[in-house]
């Protein structure tokens, strides 16, 4: 039975998902790992649609990490082809639903055909006339949170060395402005499927105050009702951001 839809004011603004378990799903069925990734693409479609319907404004998916380059070449190549298919097949629907696609990470590290397909997806879903998208779908590709922070620090060091910035001027605002995630708000809810309970170098700075939700459900089996259960759990949690529970309650009364 599906979990109830969250109330209108309860959906998180930014949901991030670590889509784990594709390989195990395939192995349990005697299939090659690529088949698990292909089935996982169906979950992506359902989750994107559901997030848009319940009012999530930002959805970020961990599609391909820096560490994933170490996987067998055949699996990496299959993932790159899958990204091409996703970019080609989903562009029209995403555009119609007002969902804009962007990329975090280093798109230039992807094979040329994959990079061009993703770039076309980003361009084709970009709102016209400066309009606001209904939802922004961010794909983390060749992404690593530590490297994103390190690259931003290096960029700032260059500006300091050139005399464009003073060390005492540097703060989190400057750091985040140099990161590939600079257009993303902080993560409200971070979901990881597949039973593991770690961040795996995903949105480390951006998830500093995120609510974490871990589920044993393998990503290819993750469907609308699983997402709604995660959203319902989020809606029931009290987010304190360093305050006490009493202070949070008083803030709600004052509001």
Protein backbone atom coordinates (compact mmCIF):
# COMPACT_ATOMS: atom_id res chain seq x y z
CA UNK A 1 0.00 0.00 0.00
CA UNK A 2 1.37 3.44 -0.93
CA UNK A 3 2.28 5.94 1.75
CA UNK A 4 -0.02 8.98 1.91
CA UNK A 5 0.99 11.99 -0.14
CA UNK A 6 2.82 14.58 1.98
CA UNK A 7 0.90 17.75 2.75
CA UNK A 8 1.37 20.73 0.47
CA UNK A 9 3.80 22.49 2.82
CA UNK A 10 5.83 19.43 3.80
CA UNK A 11 7.67 18.28 0.63
CA UNK A 12 11.40 19.02 0.79
CA UNK A 13 12.63 21.65 -1.64
CA UNK A 14 15.75 19.68 -2.62
CA UNK A 15 15.88 15.88 -2.75
CA UNK A 16 19.13 14.10 -3.59
CA UNK A 17 19.31 10.38 -4.32
CA UNK A 18 22.16 7.87 -4.36
CA UNK A 19 20.80 5.25 -6.75
CA UNK A 20 22.46 2.11 -5.41
CA UNK A 21 21.83 -1.57 -6.04
CA UNK A 22 21.64 -1.93 -9.82
CA UNK A 23 24.44 -4.49 -9.98
CA UNK A 24 23.08 -6.60 -7.13
CA UNK A 25 19.60 -6.52 -8.68
CA UNK A 26 21.02 -7.93 -11.92
CA UNK A 27 23.17 -10.55 -10.16
CA UNK A 28 20.18 -11.86 -8.19
CA UNK A 29 18.46 -12.52 -11.52
CA UNK A 30 21.44 -14.00 -13.32
CA UNK A 31 21.78 -10.94 -15.55
CA UNK A 32 24.77 -8.80 -16.47
CA UNK A 33 25.21 -5.59 -14.50
CA UNK A 34 24.22 -3.46 -17.50
CA UNK A 35 20.72 -4.94 -17.29
CA UNK A 36 20.43 -3.64 -13.76
CA UNK A 37 21.37 -0.15 -14.86
CA UNK A 38 18.84 -0.31 -17.70
CA UNK A 39 16.08 -1.32 -15.28
CA UNK A 40 17.20 1.45 -12.94
CA UNK A 41 16.46 3.98 -15.69
CA UNK A 42 12.77 3.12 -15.28
CA UNK A 43 13.01 4.05 -11.61
CA UNK A 44 14.58 7.36 -12.61
CA UNK A 45 11.62 8.13 -14.82
CA UNK A 46 9.09 7.34 -12.09
CA UNK A 47 10.94 9.25 -9.39
CA UNK A 48 11.33 12.35 -11.57
CA UNK A 49 7.62 12.36 -12.36
CA UNK A 50 6.63 11.85 -8.72
CA UNK A 51 8.93 14.56 -7.40
CA UNK A 52 7.51 17.01 -9.88
CA UNK A 53 3.92 16.08 -8.97
CA UNK A 54 4.36 16.52 -5.21
CA UNK A 55 6.15 19.86 -5.50
CA UNK A 56 9.85 19.08 -5.10
CA UNK A 57 11.72 21.95 -6.76
CA UNK A 58 15.19 20.39 -7.01
CA UNK A 59 16.08 16.74 -7.62
CA UNK A 60 19.72 15.66 -7.82
CA UNK A 61 20.65 12.14 -8.92
CA UNK A 62 24.06 10.52 -8.40
CA UNK A 63 24.30 9.15 -11.93
CA UNK A 64 28.06 8.50 -12.26
CA UNK A 65 30.72 9.19 -9.65
CA UNK A 66 34.44 9.75 -10.04
CA UNK A 67 34.97 6.37 -8.38
CA UNK A 68 32.77 4.70 -11.01
CA UNK A 69 35.52 5.16 -13.63
CA UNK A 70 37.31 2.28 -11.85
CA UNK A 71 34.57 -0.20 -12.76
CA UNK A 72 35.02 -2.75 -15.57
CA UNK A 73 35.29 -1.06 -18.95
CA UNK A 74 32.28 -2.92 -20.34
CA UNK A 75 30.09 -1.63 -17.51
CA UNK A 76 31.34 1.94 -17.91
CA UNK A 77 30.66 1.84 -21.64
CA UNK A 78 27.16 0.49 -21.00
CA UNK A 79 26.49 3.33 -18.57
CA UNK A 80 27.66 5.88 -21.13
CA UNK A 81 25.32 4.41 -23.74
CA UNK A 82 22.49 4.45 -21.22
CA UNK A 83 23.07 8.16 -20.61
CA UNK A 84 22.78 8.76 -24.34
CA UNK A 85 19.50 6.85 -24.51
CA UNK A 86 18.13 8.67 -21.49
CA UNK A 87 19.09 12.04 -22.96
CA UNK A 88 17.44 11.25 -26.28
CA UNK A 89 14.28 9.59 -24.98
CA UNK A 90 13.40 11.81 -22.05
CA UNK A 91 14.06 15.28 -23.52
CA UNK A 92 10.55 15.84 -24.89
CA UNK A 93 8.69 14.77 -21.74
CA UNK A 94 11.01 16.72 -19.46
CA UNK A 95 10.50 19.82 -21.57
CA UNK A 96 6.72 19.38 -21.58
CA UNK A 97 6.67 19.01 -17.79
CA UNK A 98 8.78 22.13 -17.30
CA UNK A 99 11.73 20.20 -15.88
CA UNK A 100 15.12 21.76 -16.59
CA UNK A 101 18.20 19.52 -16.62
CA UNK A 102 21.63 20.60 -15.46
CA UNK A 103 24.89 18.80 -14.69
CA UNK A 104 27.19 18.87 -11.68
CA UNK A 105 30.64 17.35 -11.93
CA UNK A 106 32.94 17.37 -14.94
CA UNK A 107 31.00 16.78 -18.14
CA UNK A 108 34.19 17.13 -20.20
CA UNK A 109 35.47 13.81 -18.82
CA UNK A 110 32.66 11.87 -20.51
CA UNK A 111 33.08 10.31 -23.98
CA UNK A 112 32.29 12.76 -26.76
CA UNK A 113 29.03 11.12 -27.85
CA UNK A 114 27.73 10.97 -24.29
CA UNK A 115 28.79 14.53 -23.52
CA UNK A 116 27.08 15.88 -26.62
CA UNK A 117 23.86 13.99 -25.87
CA UNK A 118 23.75 15.35 -22.32
CA UNK A 119 24.61 18.87 -23.48
CA UNK A 120 21.72 18.69 -25.95
CA UNK A 121 19.40 17.52 -23.16
CA UNK A 122 20.44 20.46 -20.98
CA UNK A 123 19.96 22.94 -23.84
CA UNK A 124 16.62 21.51 -24.98
CA UNK A 125 15.09 21.63 -21.49
CA UNK A 126 16.31 25.13 -20.64
CA UNK A 127 13.31 27.41 -19.98
CA UNK A 128 12.70 30.06 -22.59
CA UNK A 129 12.55 33.75 -21.90
CA UNK A 130 14.09 33.49 -18.45
CA UNK A 131 11.11 31.57 -17.06
CA UNK A 132 11.49 29.53 -13.89
CA UNK A 133 11.36 25.74 -14.37
CA UNK A 134 8.77 23.73 -12.50
CA UNK A 135 11.62 21.54 -11.24
CA UNK A 136 15.36 21.31 -11.82
CA UNK A 137 16.85 17.86 -12.37
CA UNK A 138 20.58 17.81 -11.68
CA UNK A 139 22.63 14.87 -12.92
CA UNK A 140 25.87 14.23 -11.03
CA UNK A 141 28.25 12.99 -13.74
CA UNK A 142 31.92 12.25 -13.13
CA UNK A 143 31.22 13.92 -9.80
CA UNK A 144 32.96 13.75 -6.46
CA UNK A 145 32.20 16.02 -3.52
CA UNK A 146 35.78 16.19 -2.29
CA UNK A 147 37.15 17.12 -5.70
CA UNK A 148 34.46 19.74 -6.21
CA UNK A 149 35.53 21.41 -2.97
CA UNK A 150 39.22 21.07 -3.83
CA UNK A 151 38.73 22.56 -7.30
CA UNK A 152 36.87 25.50 -5.77
CA UNK A 153 39.68 26.06 -3.26
CA UNK A 154 42.25 26.06 -6.03
CA UNK A 155 40.23 28.59 -8.03
CA UNK A 156 40.03 30.85 -4.99
CA UNK A 157 43.76 30.45 -4.31
CA UNK A 158 44.48 31.69 -7.85
CA UNK A 159 42.36 34.79 -7.22
CA UNK A 160 44.05 35.44 -3.87
CA UNK A 161 47.48 35.06 -5.47
CA UNK A 162 46.48 37.52 -8.18
CA UNK A 163 45.42 40.05 -5.57
CA UNK A 164 41.76 39.87 -6.54
CA UNK A 165 40.72 38.61 -3.10
CA UNK A 166 42.07 38.96 0.42
CA UNK A 167 42.31 35.78 2.53
CA UNK A 168 40.15 37.34 5.22
CA UNK A 169 37.38 37.91 2.66
CA UNK A 170 36.98 34.22 1.98
CA UNK A 171 33.92 32.54 3.42
CA UNK A 172 31.51 29.76 2.54
CA UNK A 173 29.72 32.01 0.06
CA UNK A 174 32.91 32.45 -1.97
CA UNK A 175 33.70 28.74 -1.79
CA UNK A 176 30.29 27.62 -2.97
CA UNK A 177 30.28 30.13 -5.82
CA UNK A 178 33.24 28.26 -7.35
CA UNK A 179 31.71 24.78 -7.09
CA UNK A 180 29.83 22.93 -9.81
CA UNK A 181 26.86 22.84 -7.40
CA UNK A 182 26.74 26.63 -7.08
CA UNK A 183 23.18 26.82 -8.42
CA UNK A 184 21.86 24.19 -5.99
CA UNK A 185 20.29 24.98 -2.62
CA UNK A 186 21.22 22.88 0.39
CA UNK A 187 19.89 19.33 0.34
CA UNK A 188 16.81 18.81 2.52
CA UNK A 189 16.41 15.05 2.07
CA UNK A 190 19.11 12.63 0.94
CA UNK A 191 17.91 9.14 0.00
CA UNK A 192 20.14 6.13 -0.54
CA UNK A 193 18.75 2.86 -1.85
CA UNK A 194 20.34 -0.59 -1.72
CA UNK A 195 20.89 -0.92 2.03
CA UNK A 196 24.23 0.87 2.37
CA UNK A 197 24.43 3.75 4.85
CA UNK A 198 27.09 6.16 3.67
CA UNK A 199 27.36 9.29 1.49
CA UNK A 200 30.02 7.97 -0.90
CA UNK A 201 31.44 11.43 -1.65
CA UNK A 202 28.06 12.84 -2.71
CA UNK A 203 27.15 16.48 -1.97
CA UNK A 204 29.24 16.56 1.20
CA UNK A 205 29.02 20.29 1.85
CA UNK A 206 25.51 20.68 0.50
CA UNK A 207 24.17 17.88 2.74
CA UNK A 208 25.53 19.26 6.01
CA UNK A 209 22.01 19.54 7.47
CA UNK A 210 20.16 17.11 5.23
CA UNK A 211 17.81 14.51 6.63
CA UNK A 212 19.16 11.08 5.68
CA UNK A 213 16.93 8.23 4.58
CA UNK A 214 18.34 4.76 3.91
CA UNK A 215 16.30 1.93 2.44
CA UNK A 216 17.22 -1.69 1.63
CA UNK A 217 15.20 -1.49 -1.60
CA UNK A 218 17.48 -1.89 -4.62
CA UNK A 219 17.27 1.01 -7.04
CA UNK A 220 15.63 -0.91 -9.94
CA UNK A 221 12.81 -1.86 -7.53
CA UNK A 222 12.41 1.69 -6.17
CA UNK A 223 9.03 3.04 -7.24
CA UNK A 224 6.62 5.84 -6.45
CA UNK A 225 5.35 4.40 -3.17
CA UNK A 226 8.93 4.01 -1.88
CA UNK A 227 9.64 7.66 -2.62
CA UNK A 228 6.39 8.73 -0.97
CA UNK A 229 7.39 6.77 2.13
CA UNK A 230 10.68 8.69 2.23
CA UNK A 231 8.86 12.01 1.80
CA UNK A 232 6.40 11.09 4.53
CA UNK A 233 9.27 10.25 6.88
CA UNK A 234 10.85 13.61 6.09
CA UNK A 235 7.59 15.42 6.84
CA UNK A 236 7.45 13.79 10.28
CA UNK A 237 10.96 14.82 11.31
CA UNK A 238 11.79 17.94 13.29
CA UNK A 239 14.64 19.88 11.71
CA UNK A 240 16.42 21.89 14.40
CA UNK A 241 19.57 23.26 12.69
CA UNK A 242 21.39 23.47 16.03
CA UNK A 243 18.42 24.80 18.00
CA UNK A 244 16.58 22.97 20.75
CA UNK A 245 13.20 21.43 20.16
CA UNK A 246 11.60 24.11 22.34
CA UNK A 247 13.19 26.86 20.27
CA UNK A 248 11.91 25.31 17.06
CA UNK A 249 8.38 25.09 18.48
CA UNK A 250 8.53 28.73 19.62
CA UNK A 251 9.67 29.81 16.18
CA UNK A 252 6.63 28.09 14.67
CA UNK A 253 4.34 29.83 17.17
CA UNK A 254 5.90 33.22 16.43
CA UNK A 255 5.51 32.65 12.70
